[in-house]
């Protein structure tokens, strides 16, 4: 069921990417020099910005994008990278999104959808993402692939969180660190509580606390236990906390 939900999420994302998300028909073709005139400053013909080569009229948001606004650096240019990194320096206000971590790339999709829904579409910026005929470039295809990779990683992470929800935790100078499990931890609601375990990702020496099921068959297709009613307790990536009862739903560690 978890895999089906993840597949559904990816299917919806792919439909958006292949539909209205990327290939916006019509509009003008603007050069970088022409777009640079639309900063909202005195004498400027308007207030535009671009995301992944799509240009939007943001005059309605002048207080944010106009001169003196918090996001004025985005006006008159395509600063797609800054939408992900938050770097509004001269080096960060660029359209080159290559090399961004895939997990962060879906933010581009969210911002593009935001401007499509909230502001008027003007046209396309000729340059990195669209050629002189308004056709998508290889750079746009690479950006799409990066976003799709990020969406897949997100779906995978959500599936893992359903199987192994993060523990609740608190720290105090007198009591040290306390982990505990409940029917809602790590933002995951469920009908079981589980017990705290250290989860190690393959290839990593670091671990973090998750809640593991103690009853029922193991998750997924792995048959790593001869005991079919131990939940995920025998998962090879899990380890008990020393000094804590293996079936207690809480664990306290002295720092």
Protein backbone atom coordinates (compact mmCIF):
# COMPACT_ATOMS: atom_id res chain seq x y z
CA UNK A 1 0.00 0.00 0.00
CA UNK A 2 2.86 2.38 0.81
CA UNK A 3 4.50 1.71 -2.55
CA UNK A 4 1.17 2.29 -4.29
CA UNK A 5 0.76 5.65 -2.54
CA UNK A 6 4.31 6.65 -3.50
CA UNK A 7 3.66 5.61 -7.10
CA UNK A 8 0.47 7.68 -7.13
CA UNK A 9 2.36 10.73 -5.85
CA UNK A 10 4.99 10.35 -8.54
CA UNK A 11 2.32 9.85 -11.18
CA UNK A 12 0.58 13.08 -10.23
CA UNK A 13 3.89 14.93 -10.17
CA UNK A 14 4.82 13.56 -13.59
CA UNK A 15 1.45 14.58 -14.99
CA UNK A 16 2.04 18.13 -13.74
CA UNK A 17 5.54 18.21 -15.19
CA UNK A 18 4.38 17.00 -18.58
CA UNK A 19 1.27 19.17 -18.58
CA UNK A 20 0.81 22.81 -17.77
CA UNK A 21 3.87 22.90 -15.51
CA UNK A 22 6.59 23.19 -18.15
CA UNK A 23 5.32 23.77 -21.65
CA UNK A 24 3.37 26.99 -21.39
CA UNK A 25 2.02 27.93 -24.81
CA UNK A 26 1.82 31.45 -26.27
CA UNK A 27 3.19 34.67 -24.88
CA UNK A 28 6.12 36.82 -25.93
CA UNK A 29 9.75 35.90 -26.39
CA UNK A 30 11.98 38.23 -24.39
CA UNK A 31 15.74 38.62 -24.42
CA UNK A 32 17.69 39.00 -21.17
CA UNK A 33 18.35 42.65 -22.04
CA UNK A 34 14.65 43.31 -22.55
CA UNK A 35 13.64 41.56 -19.34
CA UNK A 36 16.25 43.60 -17.43
CA UNK A 37 14.23 46.75 -18.14
CA UNK A 38 11.24 45.42 -16.15
CA UNK A 39 12.39 46.16 -12.62
CA UNK A 40 9.55 48.43 -11.58
CA UNK A 41 11.92 51.38 -11.20
CA UNK A 42 10.95 54.87 -12.38
CA UNK A 43 10.76 54.84 -16.15
CA UNK A 44 10.57 51.06 -16.27
CA UNK A 45 7.87 49.62 -18.58
CA UNK A 46 6.71 47.18 -15.91
CA UNK A 47 7.69 44.63 -13.29
CA UNK A 48 8.55 41.12 -14.46
CA UNK A 49 10.53 38.15 -13.20
CA UNK A 50 11.28 34.73 -14.61
CA UNK A 51 11.41 31.21 -13.17
CA UNK A 52 12.91 28.43 -15.28
CA UNK A 53 12.59 30.69 -18.31
CA UNK A 54 8.90 31.50 -17.85
CA UNK A 55 8.23 35.22 -17.44
CA UNK A 56 5.50 36.61 -15.16
CA UNK A 57 4.04 40.06 -14.57
CA UNK A 58 4.34 40.67 -10.82
CA UNK A 59 3.13 44.27 -10.66
CA UNK A 60 0.42 43.15 -8.26
CA UNK A 61 3.22 42.25 -5.83
CA UNK A 62 5.09 45.54 -6.22
CA UNK A 63 5.59 45.88 -2.47
CA UNK A 64 7.62 42.66 -2.54
CA UNK A 65 9.30 42.78 -5.96
CA UNK A 66 9.53 46.50 -6.68
CA UNK A 67 12.41 48.80 -5.70
CA UNK A 68 13.06 48.53 -1.97
CA UNK A 69 11.05 45.32 -1.68
CA UNK A 70 12.44 42.25 0.06
CA UNK A 71 12.55 40.36 -3.25
CA UNK A 72 13.48 43.20 -5.56
CA UNK A 73 16.60 41.28 -6.59
CA UNK A 74 14.38 38.81 -8.44
CA UNK A 75 12.89 41.48 -10.70
CA UNK A 76 14.03 41.86 -14.28
CA UNK A 77 15.86 38.54 -14.41
CA UNK A 78 15.65 34.77 -14.10
CA UNK A 79 17.10 33.97 -10.68
CA UNK A 80 15.79 30.41 -10.48
CA UNK A 81 18.70 29.23 -8.35
CA UNK A 82 17.91 31.75 -5.61
CA UNK A 83 14.42 30.31 -5.21
CA UNK A 84 16.08 27.15 -3.91
CA UNK A 85 19.17 28.45 -2.14
CA UNK A 86 17.86 31.73 -0.72
CA UNK A 87 21.13 33.36 -1.84
CA UNK A 88 20.24 36.87 -3.01
CA UNK A 89 23.80 37.98 -3.64
CA UNK A 90 24.98 38.78 -7.15
CA UNK A 91 26.47 35.29 -7.36
CA UNK A 92 23.23 33.67 -6.21
CA UNK A 93 20.76 35.57 -8.42
CA UNK A 94 21.35 33.39 -11.46
CA UNK A 95 19.37 30.97 -13.58
CA UNK A 96 21.85 28.08 -13.45
CA UNK A 97 20.22 25.32 -11.35
CA UNK A 98 22.69 22.59 -12.27
CA UNK A 99 24.41 21.02 -9.30
CA UNK A 100 21.57 21.69 -6.87
CA UNK A 101 20.89 18.83 -4.45
CA UNK A 102 18.06 16.74 -5.95
CA UNK A 103 16.17 16.77 -2.64
CA UNK A 104 15.94 20.59 -2.86
CA UNK A 105 15.05 20.79 -6.54
CA UNK A 106 11.24 20.27 -6.14
CA UNK A 107 11.14 23.79 -4.66
CA UNK A 108 11.50 25.02 -8.26
CA UNK A 109 8.32 23.22 -9.18
CA UNK A 110 6.47 24.73 -6.23
CA UNK A 111 7.61 28.27 -7.07
CA UNK A 112 6.79 27.90 -10.74
CA UNK A 113 3.32 26.68 -9.89
CA UNK A 114 2.90 29.59 -7.44
CA UNK A 115 3.63 32.20 -10.12
CA UNK A 116 1.46 30.42 -12.66
CA UNK A 117 -1.47 30.54 -10.26
CA UNK A 118 -0.93 33.98 -8.74
CA UNK A 119 0.46 36.15 -11.56
CA UNK A 120 -0.04 36.74 -15.26
CA UNK A 121 2.07 34.74 -17.71
CA UNK A 122 3.97 37.01 -20.10
CA UNK A 123 6.05 34.66 -22.19
CA UNK A 124 9.44 32.97 -22.30
CA UNK A 125 12.96 34.20 -21.75
CA UNK A 126 15.33 33.35 -24.58
CA UNK A 127 18.51 31.95 -23.12
CA UNK A 128 19.25 29.05 -20.82
CA UNK A 129 15.84 27.36 -20.84
CA UNK A 130 14.28 28.41 -24.16
CA UNK A 131 15.85 29.01 -27.55
CA UNK A 132 15.11 31.85 -29.98
CA UNK A 133 12.04 29.95 -31.21
CA UNK A 134 10.65 29.41 -27.73
CA UNK A 135 11.52 25.69 -27.75
CA UNK A 136 12.81 24.01 -24.58
CA UNK A 137 16.58 23.64 -24.35
CA UNK A 138 18.64 20.78 -22.99
CA UNK A 139 19.13 22.80 -19.79
CA UNK A 140 15.37 22.82 -19.18
CA UNK A 141 15.20 19.07 -19.76
CA UNK A 142 18.01 18.61 -17.25
CA UNK A 143 16.17 20.79 -14.73
CA UNK A 144 13.04 18.68 -15.22
CA UNK A 145 15.05 15.50 -14.65
CA UNK A 146 16.58 16.99 -11.48
CA UNK A 147 13.14 17.86 -10.13
CA UNK A 148 11.76 14.42 -10.96
CA UNK A 149 14.70 12.84 -9.14
CA UNK A 150 13.94 15.01 -6.12
CA UNK A 151 10.28 14.00 -6.21
CA UNK A 152 11.24 10.34 -6.26
CA UNK A 153 13.54 10.85 -3.28
CA UNK A 154 10.73 12.65 -1.45
CA UNK A 155 8.29 9.81 -2.12
CA UNK A 156 10.88 7.28 -0.97
CA UNK A 157 11.53 9.26 2.21
CA UNK A 158 7.80 9.48 2.96
CA UNK A 159 7.49 5.72 2.48
CA UNK A 160 10.40 5.11 4.85
CA UNK A 161 8.87 7.46 7.44
CA UNK A 162 5.65 5.46 7.33
CA UNK A 163 7.59 2.27 8.02
CA UNK A 164 9.96 3.81 10.58
CA UNK A 165 8.48 7.05 11.98
CA UNK A 166 11.01 9.22 13.85
CA UNK A 167 10.79 9.08 17.65
CA UNK A 168 9.62 11.87 19.89
CA UNK A 169 12.57 13.28 21.79
CA UNK A 170 13.50 15.77 24.48
CA UNK A 171 16.65 16.80 26.30
CA UNK A 172 17.29 18.22 29.74
CA UNK A 173 20.50 18.91 31.65
CA UNK A 174 19.32 16.74 34.52
CA UNK A 175 17.83 13.83 32.63
CA UNK A 176 19.81 13.72 29.41
CA UNK A 177 18.06 12.63 26.22
CA UNK A 178 14.74 10.83 26.26
CA UNK A 179 13.18 9.10 23.26
CA UNK A 180 9.66 7.75 23.17
CA UNK A 181 7.12 6.40 20.73
CA UNK A 182 3.42 7.17 20.42
CA UNK A 183 0.66 6.85 17.84
CA UNK A 184 1.84 10.16 16.37
CA UNK A 185 5.55 10.90 16.15
CA UNK A 186 7.69 12.40 13.45
CA UNK A 187 4.55 13.80 11.85
CA UNK A 188 3.26 10.26 11.16
CA UNK A 189 -0.12 9.16 12.51
CA UNK A 190 -0.66 5.43 12.84
CA UNK A 191 -2.59 2.77 14.78
CA UNK A 192 0.50 1.34 16.51
CA UNK A 193 3.04 2.75 18.97
CA UNK A 194 6.27 0.83 18.48
CA UNK A 195 9.56 0.90 20.38
CA UNK A 196 12.65 3.12 19.97
CA UNK A 197 15.44 1.76 17.82
CA UNK A 198 18.56 3.19 16.18
CA UNK A 199 18.18 3.14 12.39
CA UNK A 200 21.33 2.98 10.27
CA UNK A 201 21.14 3.87 6.60
CA UNK A 202 23.18 1.57 4.33
CA UNK A 203 26.72 2.90 3.96
CA UNK A 204 26.42 5.32 6.89
CA UNK A 205 27.79 5.12 10.42
CA UNK A 206 25.26 7.64 11.69
CA UNK A 207 21.92 6.62 13.12
CA UNK A 208 18.74 8.28 14.34
CA UNK A 209 15.88 7.17 16.54
CA UNK A 210 12.83 5.61 14.90
CA UNK A 211 9.81 3.72 16.16
CA UNK A 212 9.65 0.08 15.09
CA UNK A 213 6.58 -2.15 15.04
CA UNK A 214 6.71 -5.06 17.50
CA UNK A 215 3.91 -7.24 16.12
CA UNK A 216 2.67 -8.51 12.79
CA UNK A 217 4.68 -9.52 9.71
CA UNK A 218 7.80 -7.58 8.69
CA UNK A 219 7.29 -4.60 6.37
CA UNK A 220 7.82 -4.93 2.65
CA UNK A 221 8.97 -8.06 0.90
CA UNK A 222 11.90 -8.84 3.21
CA UNK A 223 11.60 -12.10 5.08
CA UNK A 224 14.38 -11.53 7.58
CA UNK A 225 12.78 -13.29 10.53
CA UNK A 226 11.61 -16.77 11.28
CA UNK A 227 9.17 -15.20 13.71
CA UNK A 228 6.30 -13.73 11.70
CA UNK A 229 4.76 -11.80 14.59
CA UNK A 230 7.70 -9.55 15.52
CA UNK A 231 6.95 -6.64 13.22
CA UNK A 232 10.21 -4.97 12.14
CA UNK A 233 12.25 -5.84 15.22
CA UNK A 234 14.54 -8.12 13.21
CA UNK A 235 15.28 -5.59 10.49
CA UNK A 236 19.07 -5.70 10.02
CA UNK A 237 19.29 -1.89 9.85
CA UNK A 238 17.89 -1.49 13.37
CA UNK A 239 19.80 -1.67 16.64
CA UNK A 240 18.61 -1.59 20.24
CA UNK A 241 19.64 1.18 22.61
CA UNK A 242 21.99 -0.16 25.28
CA UNK A 243 20.58 0.03 28.77
CA UNK A 244 16.97 0.30 27.58
CA UNK A 245 14.35 -2.43 27.80
CA UNK A 246 13.97 -3.84 24.27
CA UNK A 247 10.16 -3.68 24.37
CA UNK A 248 9.66 -0.42 26.28
CA UNK A 249 8.10 2.44 24.29
CA UNK A 250 10.58 4.92 25.78
CA UNK A 251 14.31 5.12 26.41
CA UNK A 252 16.41 7.57 28.45
CA UNK A 253 20.10 8.15 27.74
CA UNK A 254 22.53 10.05 29.94
CA UNK A 255 24.79 12.42 27.99
